[in-house]
């Protein structure tokens, strides 16, 4: 395998791992001994530096990883995302499903479909998965909720039309929520 293929494997491993990758792990990936792996990592490091791609190879914690140098990182604040949030609870997922499939929908409608509280709407709003999209014409003009662009991003959907179809379109979606 030529050096170019080794560099591609090293770069792919460092990018995919998102953590320092030990030389022993890289040796297994490359099928090389420790010294040959060290040489290939150095060749990869030199290639990255010569290309001026806006990231560097750093040796840390017994391995190597890709980092963004501080001079570049300062300019990236607009595109850096916060760390992933903890997983949503079952109740939050139920509420999110009702909103996604029935939007715009009021909190009372969500509670009627779930047969329980829709208190997790606040959590979903904090995570920017749902937002207030208007007010209902019903008595008291309750808030209407809908999903956000972030919802589409987090669930890998191009649009709401990409939501999986519901089996047995019952008016209360109980088959979806309680299954």
C-alpha atoms as a PDB file:
ATOM      1  CA  UNK A   1       0.000   0.000   0.000  1.00  0.00           C
ATOM      2  CA  UNK A   2       1.539   3.343  -1.014  1.00  0.00           C
ATOM      3  CA  UNK A   3       2.128   6.179   1.470  1.00  0.00           C
ATOM      4  CA  UNK A   4      -0.824   8.143   0.059  1.00  0.00           C
ATOM      5  CA  UNK A   5      -3.208   5.345   1.041  1.00  0.00           C
ATOM      6  CA  UNK A   6      -1.657   5.191   4.516  1.00  0.00           C
ATOM      7  CA  UNK A   7      -2.145   8.940   4.927  1.00  0.00           C
ATOM      8  CA  UNK A   8      -5.778   8.610   3.879  1.00  0.00           C
ATOM      9  CA  UNK A   9      -6.328   5.869   6.475  1.00  0.00           C
ATOM     10  CA  UNK A  10      -4.570   7.852   9.202  1.00  0.00           C
ATOM     11  CA  UNK A  11      -6.564  11.000   8.402  1.00  0.00           C
ATOM     12  CA  UNK A  12      -9.817   9.068   8.267  1.00  0.00           C
ATOM     13  CA  UNK A  13      -9.103   7.339  11.577  1.00  0.00           C
ATOM     14  CA  UNK A  14      -8.217  10.585  13.361  1.00  0.00           C
ATOM     15  CA  UNK A  15     -11.235  12.400  11.972  1.00  0.00           C
ATOM     16  CA  UNK A  16     -13.701   9.590  12.683  1.00  0.00           C
ATOM     17  CA  UNK A  17     -12.419   8.806  16.170  1.00  0.00           C
ATOM     18  CA  UNK A  18     -12.829  12.328  17.540  1.00  0.00           C
ATOM     19  CA  UNK A  19     -10.329  11.405  20.253  1.00  0.00           C
ATOM     20  CA  UNK A  20      -6.617  10.674  20.449  1.00  0.00           C
ATOM     21  CA  UNK A  21      -5.863   7.446  18.570  1.00  0.00           C
ATOM     22  CA  UNK A  22      -3.021   5.372  19.963  1.00  0.00           C
ATOM     23  CA  UNK A  23      -0.189   4.289  17.688  1.00  0.00           C
ATOM     24  CA  UNK A  24      -1.060   0.674  18.459  1.00  0.00           C
ATOM     25  CA  UNK A  25      -4.551   1.238  17.033  1.00  0.00           C
ATOM     26  CA  UNK A  26      -3.109   2.912  13.948  1.00  0.00           C
ATOM     27  CA  UNK A  27      -0.678  -0.001  13.553  1.00  0.00           C
ATOM     28  CA  UNK A  28      -3.624  -2.398  13.442  1.00  0.00           C
ATOM     29  CA  UNK A  29      -5.458  -0.216  10.917  1.00  0.00           C
ATOM     30  CA  UNK A  30      -2.412   0.137   8.671  1.00  0.00           C
ATOM     31  CA  UNK A  31      -1.149  -3.409   9.150  1.00  0.00           C
ATOM     32  CA  UNK A  32       2.324  -2.084   9.976  1.00  0.00           C
ATOM     33  CA  UNK A  33       4.746  -2.441  12.856  1.00  0.00           C
ATOM     34  CA  UNK A  34       5.230   0.326  15.438  1.00  0.00           C
ATOM     35  CA  UNK A  35       8.228   1.977  13.751  1.00  0.00           C
ATOM     36  CA  UNK A  36       6.664   1.967  10.278  1.00  0.00           C
ATOM     37  CA  UNK A  37       3.439   3.360  11.773  1.00  0.00           C
ATOM     38  CA  UNK A  38       5.395   6.139  13.500  1.00  0.00           C
ATOM     39  CA  UNK A  39       7.020   7.035  10.148  1.00  0.00           C
ATOM     40  CA  UNK A  40       3.641   7.131   8.407  1.00  0.00           C
ATOM     41  CA  UNK A  41       2.157   9.343  11.149  1.00  0.00           C
ATOM     42  CA  UNK A  42       5.096  11.731  10.767  1.00  0.00           C
ATOM     43  CA  UNK A  43       4.590  11.749   6.969  1.00  0.00           C
ATOM     44  CA  UNK A  44       0.878  12.468   7.531  1.00  0.00           C
ATOM     45  CA  UNK A  45       1.732  15.283   9.969  1.00  0.00           C
ATOM     46  CA  UNK A  46       4.132  16.851   7.460  1.00  0.00           C
ATOM     47  CA  UNK A  47       1.554  16.565   4.671  1.00  0.00           C
ATOM     48  CA  UNK A  48      -1.091  18.280   6.813  1.00  0.00           C
ATOM     49  CA  UNK A  49       1.317  21.093   7.732  1.00  0.00           C
ATOM     50  CA  UNK A  50       2.421  21.579   4.109  1.00  0.00           C
ATOM     51  CA  UNK A  51      -1.176  21.719   2.885  1.00  0.00           C
ATOM     52  CA  UNK A  52      -2.157  24.475   5.342  1.00  0.00           C
ATOM     53  CA  UNK A  53      -5.643  23.058   5.813  1.00  0.00           C
ATOM     54  CA  UNK A  54      -6.536  24.846   9.050  1.00  0.00           C
ATOM     55  CA  UNK A  55      -5.959  21.901  11.352  1.00  0.00           C
ATOM     56  CA  UNK A  56      -2.937  20.168  12.853  1.00  0.00           C
ATOM     57  CA  UNK A  57      -1.896  16.809  14.213  1.00  0.00           C
ATOM     58  CA  UNK A  58      -1.227  16.820  17.949  1.00  0.00           C
ATOM     59  CA  UNK A  59       0.340  14.115  20.086  1.00  0.00           C
ATOM     60  CA  UNK A  60      -1.563  13.944  23.346  1.00  0.00           C
ATOM     61  CA  UNK A  61      -2.748  11.402  25.917  1.00  0.00           C
ATOM     62  CA  UNK A  62      -0.695   8.579  24.438  1.00  0.00           C
ATOM     63  CA  UNK A  63      -2.021   9.065  20.920  1.00  0.00           C
ATOM     64  CA  UNK A  64      -2.498  11.521  18.083  1.00  0.00           C
ATOM     65  CA  UNK A  65      -5.504  13.614  17.156  1.00  0.00           C
ATOM     66  CA  UNK A  66      -6.560  16.399  14.851  1.00  0.00           C
ATOM     67  CA  UNK A  67      -6.941  19.848  16.373  1.00  0.00           C
ATOM     68  CA  UNK A  68      -7.748  23.350  15.196  1.00  0.00           C
ATOM     69  CA  UNK A  69      -4.903  25.696  16.133  1.00  0.00           C
ATOM     70  CA  UNK A  70      -5.883  28.554  18.477  1.00  0.00           C
ATOM     71  CA  UNK A  71      -5.266  31.193  15.795  1.00  0.00           C
ATOM     72  CA  UNK A  72      -7.815  29.538  13.513  1.00  0.00           C
ATOM     73  CA  UNK A  73     -10.254  28.506  16.251  1.00  0.00           C
ATOM     74  CA  UNK A  74     -10.881  32.118  17.245  1.00  0.00           C
ATOM     75  CA  UNK A  75     -12.457  32.720  13.822  1.00  0.00           C
ATOM     76  CA  UNK A  76     -14.657  29.616  13.933  1.00  0.00           C
ATOM     77  CA  UNK A  77     -16.985  30.572  16.795  1.00  0.00           C
ATOM     78  CA  UNK A  78     -19.999  31.082  14.470  1.00  0.00           C
ATOM     79  CA  UNK A  79     -19.827  27.506  13.190  1.00  0.00           C
ATOM     80  CA  UNK A  80     -18.794  25.635  16.306  1.00  0.00           C
ATOM     81  CA  UNK A  81     -21.733  23.806  17.830  1.00  0.00           C
ATOM     82  CA  UNK A  82     -22.273  23.141  21.513  1.00  0.00           C
ATOM     83  CA  UNK A  83     -21.690  19.615  22.809  1.00  0.00           C
ATOM     84  CA  UNK A  84     -24.424  17.069  22.200  1.00  0.00           C
ATOM     85  CA  UNK A  85     -27.264  17.135  24.678  1.00  0.00           C
ATOM     86  CA  UNK A  86     -28.309  14.085  26.689  1.00  0.00           C
ATOM     87  CA  UNK A  87     -30.857  11.801  25.056  1.00  0.00           C
ATOM     88  CA  UNK A  88     -34.512  12.821  25.201  1.00  0.00           C
ATOM     89  CA  UNK A  89     -36.819  10.978  27.598  1.00  0.00           C
ATOM     90  CA  UNK A  90     -39.597   8.763  26.255  1.00  0.00           C
ATOM     91  CA  UNK A  91     -42.151  11.391  27.259  1.00  0.00           C
ATOM     92  CA  UNK A  92     -40.253  14.113  25.403  1.00  0.00           C
ATOM     93  CA  UNK A  93     -40.037  11.910  22.303  1.00  0.00           C
ATOM     94  CA  UNK A  94     -43.790  11.284  22.468  1.00  0.00           C
ATOM     95  CA  UNK A  95     -44.525  15.001  22.691  1.00  0.00           C
ATOM     96  CA  UNK A  96     -42.063  15.695  19.873  1.00  0.00           C
ATOM     97  CA  UNK A  97     -43.742  13.048  17.689  1.00  0.00           C
ATOM     98  CA  UNK A  98     -47.171  14.590  18.260  1.00  0.00           C
ATOM     99  CA  UNK A  99     -45.870  18.053  17.391  1.00  0.00           C
ATOM    100  CA  UNK A 100     -43.984  16.816  14.320  1.00  0.00           C
ATOM    101  CA  UNK A 101     -46.964  14.961  12.858  1.00  0.00           C
ATOM    102  CA  UNK A 102     -49.794  17.321  13.920  1.00  0.00           C
ATOM    103  CA  UNK A 103     -48.237  20.785  13.799  1.00  0.00           C
ATOM    104  CA  UNK A 104     -49.363  23.365  14.477  1.00  0.00           C
ATOM    105  CA  UNK A 105     -50.762  21.919  17.700  1.00  0.00           C
ATOM    106  CA  UNK A 106     -51.720  23.302  21.128  1.00  0.00           C
ATOM    107  CA  UNK A 107     -50.488  21.973  24.425  1.00  0.00           C
ATOM    108  CA  UNK A 108     -54.031  20.828  25.291  1.00  0.00           C
ATOM    109  CA  UNK A 109     -54.198  18.842  22.045  1.00  0.00           C
ATOM    110  CA  UNK A 110     -50.843  17.239  22.821  1.00  0.00           C
ATOM    111  CA  UNK A 111     -52.044  16.265  26.302  1.00  0.00           C
ATOM    112  CA  UNK A 112     -55.285  14.850  24.898  1.00  0.00           C
ATOM    113  CA  UNK A 113     -53.396  12.714  22.374  1.00  0.00           C
ATOM    114  CA  UNK A 114     -50.850  11.507  24.916  1.00  0.00           C
ATOM    115  CA  UNK A 115     -53.274  11.021  27.756  1.00  0.00           C
ATOM    116  CA  UNK A 116     -50.822  12.838  30.004  1.00  0.00           C
ATOM    117  CA  UNK A 117     -48.843  16.000  30.615  1.00  0.00           C
ATOM    118  CA  UNK A 118     -47.045  17.878  27.875  1.00  0.00           C
ATOM    119  CA  UNK A 119     -44.611  19.459  30.337  1.00  0.00           C
ATOM    120  CA  UNK A 120     -41.659  18.402  28.222  1.00  0.00           C
ATOM    121  CA  UNK A 121     -42.583  21.074  25.674  1.00  0.00           C
ATOM    122  CA  UNK A 122     -40.388  23.418  27.714  1.00  0.00           C
ATOM    123  CA  UNK A 123     -37.412  21.045  27.401  1.00  0.00           C
ATOM    124  CA  UNK A 124     -38.017  20.717  23.667  1.00  0.00           C
ATOM    125  CA  UNK A 125     -38.105  24.504  23.356  1.00  0.00           C
ATOM    126  CA  UNK A 126     -34.860  24.839  25.337  1.00  0.00           C
ATOM    127  CA  UNK A 127     -33.227  22.389  22.952  1.00  0.00           C
ATOM    128  CA  UNK A 128     -34.628  24.402  20.039  1.00  0.00           C
ATOM    129  CA  UNK A 129     -36.476  21.388  18.624  1.00  0.00           C
ATOM    130  CA  UNK A 130     -39.893  23.065  18.845  1.00  0.00           C
ATOM    131  CA  UNK A 131     -41.060  26.662  18.878  1.00  0.00           C
ATOM    132  CA  UNK A 132     -44.224  28.709  19.197  1.00  0.00           C
ATOM    133  CA  UNK A 133     -45.567  29.231  15.688  1.00  0.00           C
ATOM    134  CA  UNK A 134     -48.701  31.218  16.501  1.00  0.00           C
ATOM    135  CA  UNK A 135     -51.930  31.230  18.476  1.00  0.00           C
ATOM    136  CA  UNK A 136     -55.041  29.144  18.033  1.00  0.00           C
ATOM    137  CA  UNK A 137     -58.454  30.690  17.351  1.00  0.00           C
ATOM    138  CA  UNK A 138     -59.832  28.595  20.236  1.00  0.00           C
ATOM    139  CA  UNK A 139     -61.032  30.186  23.473  1.00  0.00           C
ATOM    140  CA  UNK A 140     -58.089  31.741  25.307  1.00  0.00           C
ATOM    141  CA  UNK A 141     -55.993  31.688  22.127  1.00  0.00           C
ATOM    142  CA  UNK A 142     -53.553  28.982  23.284  1.00  0.00           C
ATOM    143  CA  UNK A 143     -50.074  28.835  21.804  1.00  0.00           C
ATOM    144  CA  UNK A 144     -49.471  26.665  18.757  1.00  0.00           C
ATOM    145  CA  UNK A 145     -46.270  24.621  18.579  1.00  0.00           C
ATOM    146  CA  UNK A 146     -44.302  23.411  15.582  1.00  0.00           C
ATOM    147  CA  UNK A 147     -40.884  21.946  14.895  1.00  0.00           C
ATOM    148  CA  UNK A 148     -37.765  23.926  14.020  1.00  0.00           C
ATOM    149  CA  UNK A 149     -34.965  23.653  11.494  1.00  0.00           C
ATOM    150  CA  UNK A 150     -32.829  22.199  14.271  1.00  0.00           C
ATOM    151  CA  UNK A 151     -35.371  19.362  14.604  1.00  0.00           C
ATOM    152  CA  UNK A 152     -34.787  18.534  10.948  1.00  0.00           C
ATOM    153  CA  UNK A 153     -31.006  18.684  11.423  1.00  0.00           C
ATOM    154  CA  UNK A 154     -30.974  16.560  14.576  1.00  0.00           C
ATOM    155  CA  UNK A 155     -33.144  13.859  13.014  1.00  0.00           C
ATOM    156  CA  UNK A 156     -31.470  13.981   9.594  1.00  0.00           C
ATOM    157  CA  UNK A 157     -34.598  15.022   7.706  1.00  0.00           C
ATOM    158  CA  UNK A 158     -34.651  17.180   4.590  1.00  0.00           C
ATOM    159  CA  UNK A 159     -38.191  18.335   5.348  1.00  0.00           C
ATOM    160  CA  UNK A 160     -41.273  17.295   7.312  1.00  0.00           C
ATOM    161  CA  UNK A 161     -42.397  15.317   4.271  1.00  0.00           C
ATOM    162  CA  UNK A 162     -39.451  12.986   4.998  1.00  0.00           C
ATOM    163  CA  UNK A 163     -41.048  11.862   8.291  1.00  0.00           C
ATOM    164  CA  UNK A 164     -41.859   8.151   8.167  1.00  0.00           C
ATOM    165  CA  UNK A 165     -45.506   7.514   7.273  1.00  0.00           C
ATOM    166  CA  UNK A 166     -47.885   6.617  10.069  1.00  0.00           C
ATOM    167  CA  UNK A 167     -49.418   3.151   9.993  1.00  0.00           C
ATOM    168  CA  UNK A 168     -53.216   3.342  10.442  1.00  0.00           C
ATOM    169  CA  UNK A 169     -53.749   7.115  10.514  1.00  0.00           C
ATOM    170  CA  UNK A 170     -55.909   7.119  13.648  1.00  0.00           C
ATOM    171  CA  UNK A 171     -57.058  10.542  14.728  1.00  0.00           C
ATOM    172  CA  UNK A 172     -55.267  10.357  18.077  1.00  0.00           C
ATOM    173  CA  UNK A 173     -51.967   8.730  16.938  1.00  0.00           C
ATOM    174  CA  UNK A 174     -52.161   6.390  19.944  1.00  0.00           C
ATOM    175  CA  UNK A 175     -50.627   3.587  17.891  1.00  0.00           C
ATOM    176  CA  UNK A 176     -47.548   5.751  17.316  1.00  0.00           C
ATOM    177  CA  UNK A 177     -47.106   7.037  20.842  1.00  0.00           C
ATOM    178  CA  UNK A 178     -47.814   4.050  23.015  1.00  0.00           C
ATOM    179  CA  UNK A 179     -46.446   1.244  20.821  1.00  0.00           C
END
